[in-house]
């Protein structure tokens, strides 16, 4: 009977683990690549380079916004701190529910601080793309 209980416990643990998303494993090279992708997209926004900025978006985001013009209009109107930041500070890179999130502290053109949460997605070829950006209230006002 003890053996059956042990097997059921192992099976239950395996079931729980299989249903959970795997945490992304990143090394220093990945961290540098993620930062570079975000920096390059921010630079493209600064230069009104829609095609360049759109190229750093994941296939999901590209499909959702169809083309660079629509994407740029969305960023201009909905994400002014990302479109024209006065300052940028990279913060923690963490995993949240199996999703890799790069935190970036920004001061927007209006002088207000925000925390941008960049959802990062590794592509089959190993490159990193931005799979979404969510703006939250900054926990502090220091850059």
C-alpha atoms as a PDB file:
ATOM      1  CA  UNK A   1       0.000   0.000   0.000  1.00  0.00           C
ATOM      2  CA  UNK A   2       2.905   2.367   0.812  1.00  0.00           C
ATOM      3  CA  UNK A   3       4.301   1.825  -2.699  1.00  0.00           C
ATOM      4  CA  UNK A   4       0.981   2.784  -4.316  1.00  0.00           C
ATOM      5  CA  UNK A   5       0.773   5.958  -2.232  1.00  0.00           C
ATOM      6  CA  UNK A   6       4.334   6.840  -3.285  1.00  0.00           C
ATOM      7  CA  UNK A   7       3.517   6.285  -6.986  1.00  0.00           C
ATOM      8  CA  UNK A   8       0.349   8.384  -6.748  1.00  0.00           C
ATOM      9  CA  UNK A   9       2.322  11.197  -5.100  1.00  0.00           C
ATOM     10  CA  UNK A  10       4.948  11.094  -7.872  1.00  0.00           C
ATOM     11  CA  UNK A  11       2.215  11.043 -10.541  1.00  0.00           C
ATOM     12  CA  UNK A  12       0.452  14.025  -8.937  1.00  0.00           C
ATOM     13  CA  UNK A  13       3.719  16.006  -8.797  1.00  0.00           C
ATOM     14  CA  UNK A  14       4.487  15.176 -12.418  1.00  0.00           C
ATOM     15  CA  UNK A  15       0.998  16.301 -13.451  1.00  0.00           C
ATOM     16  CA  UNK A  16       1.425  19.628 -11.634  1.00  0.00           C
ATOM     17  CA  UNK A  17       4.839  20.254 -13.155  1.00  0.00           C
ATOM     18  CA  UNK A  18       3.780  19.384 -16.701  1.00  0.00           C
ATOM     19  CA  UNK A  19       0.901  21.875 -16.543  1.00  0.00           C
ATOM     20  CA  UNK A  20       3.148  24.767 -15.486  1.00  0.00           C
ATOM     21  CA  UNK A  21       5.004  26.938 -17.973  1.00  0.00           C
ATOM     22  CA  UNK A  22       8.735  26.457 -17.959  1.00  0.00           C
ATOM     23  CA  UNK A  23      10.700  29.384 -16.604  1.00  0.00           C
ATOM     24  CA  UNK A  24      12.893  30.996 -19.206  1.00  0.00           C
ATOM     25  CA  UNK A  25      16.577  30.384 -18.675  1.00  0.00           C
ATOM     26  CA  UNK A  26      18.738  33.299 -19.721  1.00  0.00           C
ATOM     27  CA  UNK A  27      22.449  33.811 -19.567  1.00  0.00           C
ATOM     28  CA  UNK A  28      24.529  37.003 -19.764  1.00  0.00           C
ATOM     29  CA  UNK A  29      24.503  36.874 -23.575  1.00  0.00           C
ATOM     30  CA  UNK A  30      20.701  36.663 -23.617  1.00  0.00           C
ATOM     31  CA  UNK A  31      20.430  39.530 -21.121  1.00  0.00           C
ATOM     32  CA  UNK A  32      22.655  41.706 -23.295  1.00  0.00           C
ATOM     33  CA  UNK A  33      20.683  40.771 -26.424  1.00  0.00           C
ATOM     34  CA  UNK A  34      17.367  41.604 -24.732  1.00  0.00           C
ATOM     35  CA  UNK A  35      18.661  44.984 -23.640  1.00  0.00           C
ATOM     36  CA  UNK A  36      20.010  45.673 -27.136  1.00  0.00           C
ATOM     37  CA  UNK A  37      16.654  44.855 -28.777  1.00  0.00           C
ATOM     38  CA  UNK A  38      14.806  47.272 -26.494  1.00  0.00           C
ATOM     39  CA  UNK A  39      17.457  49.984 -26.903  1.00  0.00           C
ATOM     40  CA  UNK A  40      17.375  49.644 -30.692  1.00  0.00           C
ATOM     41  CA  UNK A  41      13.597  49.850 -30.774  1.00  0.00           C
ATOM     42  CA  UNK A  42      13.692  52.968 -28.584  1.00  0.00           C
ATOM     43  CA  UNK A  43      16.262  54.485 -30.973  1.00  0.00           C
ATOM     44  CA  UNK A  44      14.036  53.660 -33.942  1.00  0.00           C
ATOM     45  CA  UNK A  45      11.137  55.464 -32.233  1.00  0.00           C
ATOM     46  CA  UNK A  46      13.395  58.503 -31.651  1.00  0.00           C
ATOM     47  CA  UNK A  47      14.119  58.617 -35.391  1.00  0.00           C
ATOM     48  CA  UNK A  48      10.519  57.921 -36.448  1.00  0.00           C
ATOM     49  CA  UNK A  49      11.759  54.737 -38.105  1.00  0.00           C
ATOM     50  CA  UNK A  50       8.546  52.722 -38.107  1.00  0.00           C
ATOM     51  CA  UNK A  51       9.934  49.834 -40.120  1.00  0.00           C
ATOM     52  CA  UNK A  52      12.952  49.590 -37.824  1.00  0.00           C
ATOM     53  CA  UNK A  53      10.843  49.685 -34.655  1.00  0.00           C
ATOM     54  CA  UNK A  54       8.348  47.179 -36.065  1.00  0.00           C
ATOM     55  CA  UNK A  55      11.176  44.758 -36.877  1.00  0.00           C
ATOM     56  CA  UNK A  56      11.884  44.299 -33.142  1.00  0.00           C
ATOM     57  CA  UNK A  57       8.292  43.205 -32.461  1.00  0.00           C
ATOM     58  CA  UNK A  58       7.447  39.519 -32.212  1.00  0.00           C
ATOM     59  CA  UNK A  59       5.486  37.801 -34.986  1.00  0.00           C
ATOM     60  CA  UNK A  60       2.395  37.950 -32.734  1.00  0.00           C
ATOM     61  CA  UNK A  61       2.660  41.743 -32.377  1.00  0.00           C
ATOM     62  CA  UNK A  62       3.406  42.174 -36.090  1.00  0.00           C
ATOM     63  CA  UNK A  63       0.325  40.149 -36.974  1.00  0.00           C
ATOM     64  CA  UNK A  64      -1.807  42.093 -34.496  1.00  0.00           C
ATOM     65  CA  UNK A  65      -0.798  45.518 -35.861  1.00  0.00           C
ATOM     66  CA  UNK A  66      -0.466  44.461 -39.531  1.00  0.00           C
ATOM     67  CA  UNK A  67       2.131  47.057 -40.586  1.00  0.00           C
ATOM     68  CA  UNK A  68       4.692  49.558 -39.301  1.00  0.00           C
ATOM     69  CA  UNK A  69       2.437  52.596 -39.796  1.00  0.00           C
ATOM     70  CA  UNK A  70      -0.361  51.213 -37.633  1.00  0.00           C
ATOM     71  CA  UNK A  71       2.184  50.073 -35.043  1.00  0.00           C
ATOM     72  CA  UNK A  72       3.842  53.502 -34.890  1.00  0.00           C
ATOM     73  CA  UNK A  73       0.514  55.293 -34.530  1.00  0.00           C
ATOM     74  CA  UNK A  74      -0.396  53.011 -31.620  1.00  0.00           C
ATOM     75  CA  UNK A  75       2.927  53.726 -29.899  1.00  0.00           C
ATOM     76  CA  UNK A  76       2.725  57.497 -30.503  1.00  0.00           C
ATOM     77  CA  UNK A  77      -0.771  57.785 -29.063  1.00  0.00           C
ATOM     78  CA  UNK A  78      -0.750  55.091 -26.394  1.00  0.00           C
ATOM     79  CA  UNK A  79       2.853  54.982 -25.204  1.00  0.00           C
ATOM     80  CA  UNK A  80       4.335  58.504 -25.259  1.00  0.00           C
ATOM     81  CA  UNK A  81       6.950  57.593 -22.623  1.00  0.00           C
ATOM     82  CA  UNK A  82       8.198  54.785 -24.878  1.00  0.00           C
ATOM     83  CA  UNK A  83       7.941  56.850 -28.048  1.00  0.00           C
ATOM     84  CA  UNK A  84       9.856  59.862 -26.698  1.00  0.00           C
ATOM     85  CA  UNK A  85      11.496  59.086 -23.356  1.00  0.00           C
ATOM     86  CA  UNK A  86      13.542  61.821 -21.702  1.00  0.00           C
ATOM     87  CA  UNK A  87      15.524  59.168 -19.846  1.00  0.00           C
ATOM     88  CA  UNK A  88      15.791  55.389 -19.759  1.00  0.00           C
ATOM     89  CA  UNK A  89      17.076  53.077 -17.038  1.00  0.00           C
ATOM     90  CA  UNK A  90      17.114  49.293 -17.343  1.00  0.00           C
ATOM     91  CA  UNK A  91      16.074  47.513 -14.205  1.00  0.00           C
ATOM     92  CA  UNK A  92      15.398  43.901 -13.280  1.00  0.00           C
ATOM     93  CA  UNK A  93      14.973  41.111 -15.819  1.00  0.00           C
ATOM     94  CA  UNK A  94      12.663  38.562 -14.277  1.00  0.00           C
ATOM     95  CA  UNK A  95      10.360  35.680 -15.029  1.00  0.00           C
ATOM     96  CA  UNK A  96       6.691  36.226 -14.297  1.00  0.00           C
ATOM     97  CA  UNK A  97       4.440  33.167 -14.731  1.00  0.00           C
ATOM     98  CA  UNK A  98       6.931  31.660 -17.166  1.00  0.00           C
ATOM     99  CA  UNK A  99       7.239  34.885 -19.198  1.00  0.00           C
ATOM    100  CA  UNK A 100      10.488  36.820 -19.347  1.00  0.00           C
ATOM    101  CA  UNK A 101       9.918  40.487 -18.454  1.00  0.00           C
ATOM    102  CA  UNK A 102      12.477  43.292 -18.712  1.00  0.00           C
ATOM    103  CA  UNK A 103      11.646  46.243 -16.476  1.00  0.00           C
ATOM    104  CA  UNK A 104      12.607  49.644 -17.893  1.00  0.00           C
ATOM    105  CA  UNK A 105      12.168  52.868 -15.931  1.00  0.00           C
ATOM    106  CA  UNK A 106      11.295  55.776 -18.235  1.00  0.00           C
ATOM    107  CA  UNK A 107      10.712  59.470 -17.824  1.00  0.00           C
ATOM    108  CA  UNK A 108       8.131  60.473 -20.405  1.00  0.00           C
ATOM    109  CA  UNK A 109       8.051  63.682 -22.444  1.00  0.00           C
ATOM    110  CA  UNK A 110       5.664  65.121 -19.840  1.00  0.00           C
ATOM    111  CA  UNK A 111       8.227  64.497 -17.080  1.00  0.00           C
ATOM    112  CA  UNK A 112       6.225  61.682 -15.487  1.00  0.00           C
ATOM    113  CA  UNK A 113       8.011  58.465 -14.510  1.00  0.00           C
ATOM    114  CA  UNK A 114       6.633  55.108 -15.626  1.00  0.00           C
ATOM    115  CA  UNK A 115       7.804  51.531 -15.446  1.00  0.00           C
ATOM    116  CA  UNK A 116       7.622  49.765 -18.801  1.00  0.00           C
ATOM    117  CA  UNK A 117       7.350  45.980 -18.589  1.00  0.00           C
ATOM    118  CA  UNK A 118       8.696  44.475 -21.807  1.00  0.00           C
ATOM    119  CA  UNK A 119       7.548  40.924 -22.421  1.00  0.00           C
ATOM    120  CA  UNK A 120      10.369  39.217 -24.281  1.00  0.00           C
ATOM    121  CA  UNK A 121      10.098  36.184 -26.518  1.00  0.00           C
ATOM    122  CA  UNK A 122      12.944  34.099 -27.863  1.00  0.00           C
ATOM    123  CA  UNK A 123      12.467  33.151 -31.486  1.00  0.00           C
ATOM    124  CA  UNK A 124      13.265  29.740 -32.997  1.00  0.00           C
ATOM    125  CA  UNK A 125      16.490  31.199 -34.447  1.00  0.00           C
ATOM    126  CA  UNK A 126      17.598  32.265 -30.940  1.00  0.00           C
ATOM    127  CA  UNK A 127      17.008  36.005 -31.385  1.00  0.00           C
ATOM    128  CA  UNK A 128      14.854  37.982 -28.990  1.00  0.00           C
ATOM    129  CA  UNK A 129      11.750  39.990 -29.910  1.00  0.00           C
ATOM    130  CA  UNK A 130       9.395  42.219 -27.943  1.00  0.00           C
ATOM    131  CA  UNK A 131       6.062  40.474 -27.423  1.00  0.00           C
ATOM    132  CA  UNK A 132       4.345  43.344 -25.652  1.00  0.00           C
ATOM    133  CA  UNK A 133       4.987  46.369 -23.492  1.00  0.00           C
ATOM    134  CA  UNK A 134       2.862  47.274 -20.525  1.00  0.00           C
ATOM    135  CA  UNK A 135       3.127  50.610 -18.739  1.00  0.00           C
ATOM    136  CA  UNK A 136       2.672  50.759 -14.985  1.00  0.00           C
ATOM    137  CA  UNK A 137       3.078  53.445 -12.390  1.00  0.00           C
ATOM    138  CA  UNK A 138       6.715  53.802 -11.414  1.00  0.00           C
ATOM    139  CA  UNK A 139       7.436  52.623  -7.869  1.00  0.00           C
ATOM    140  CA  UNK A 140       9.835  55.543  -7.440  1.00  0.00           C
ATOM    141  CA  UNK A 141      10.874  58.668  -9.253  1.00  0.00           C
ATOM    142  CA  UNK A 142      14.619  58.147  -9.419  1.00  0.00           C
ATOM    143  CA  UNK A 143      16.523  57.392 -12.563  1.00  0.00           C
END
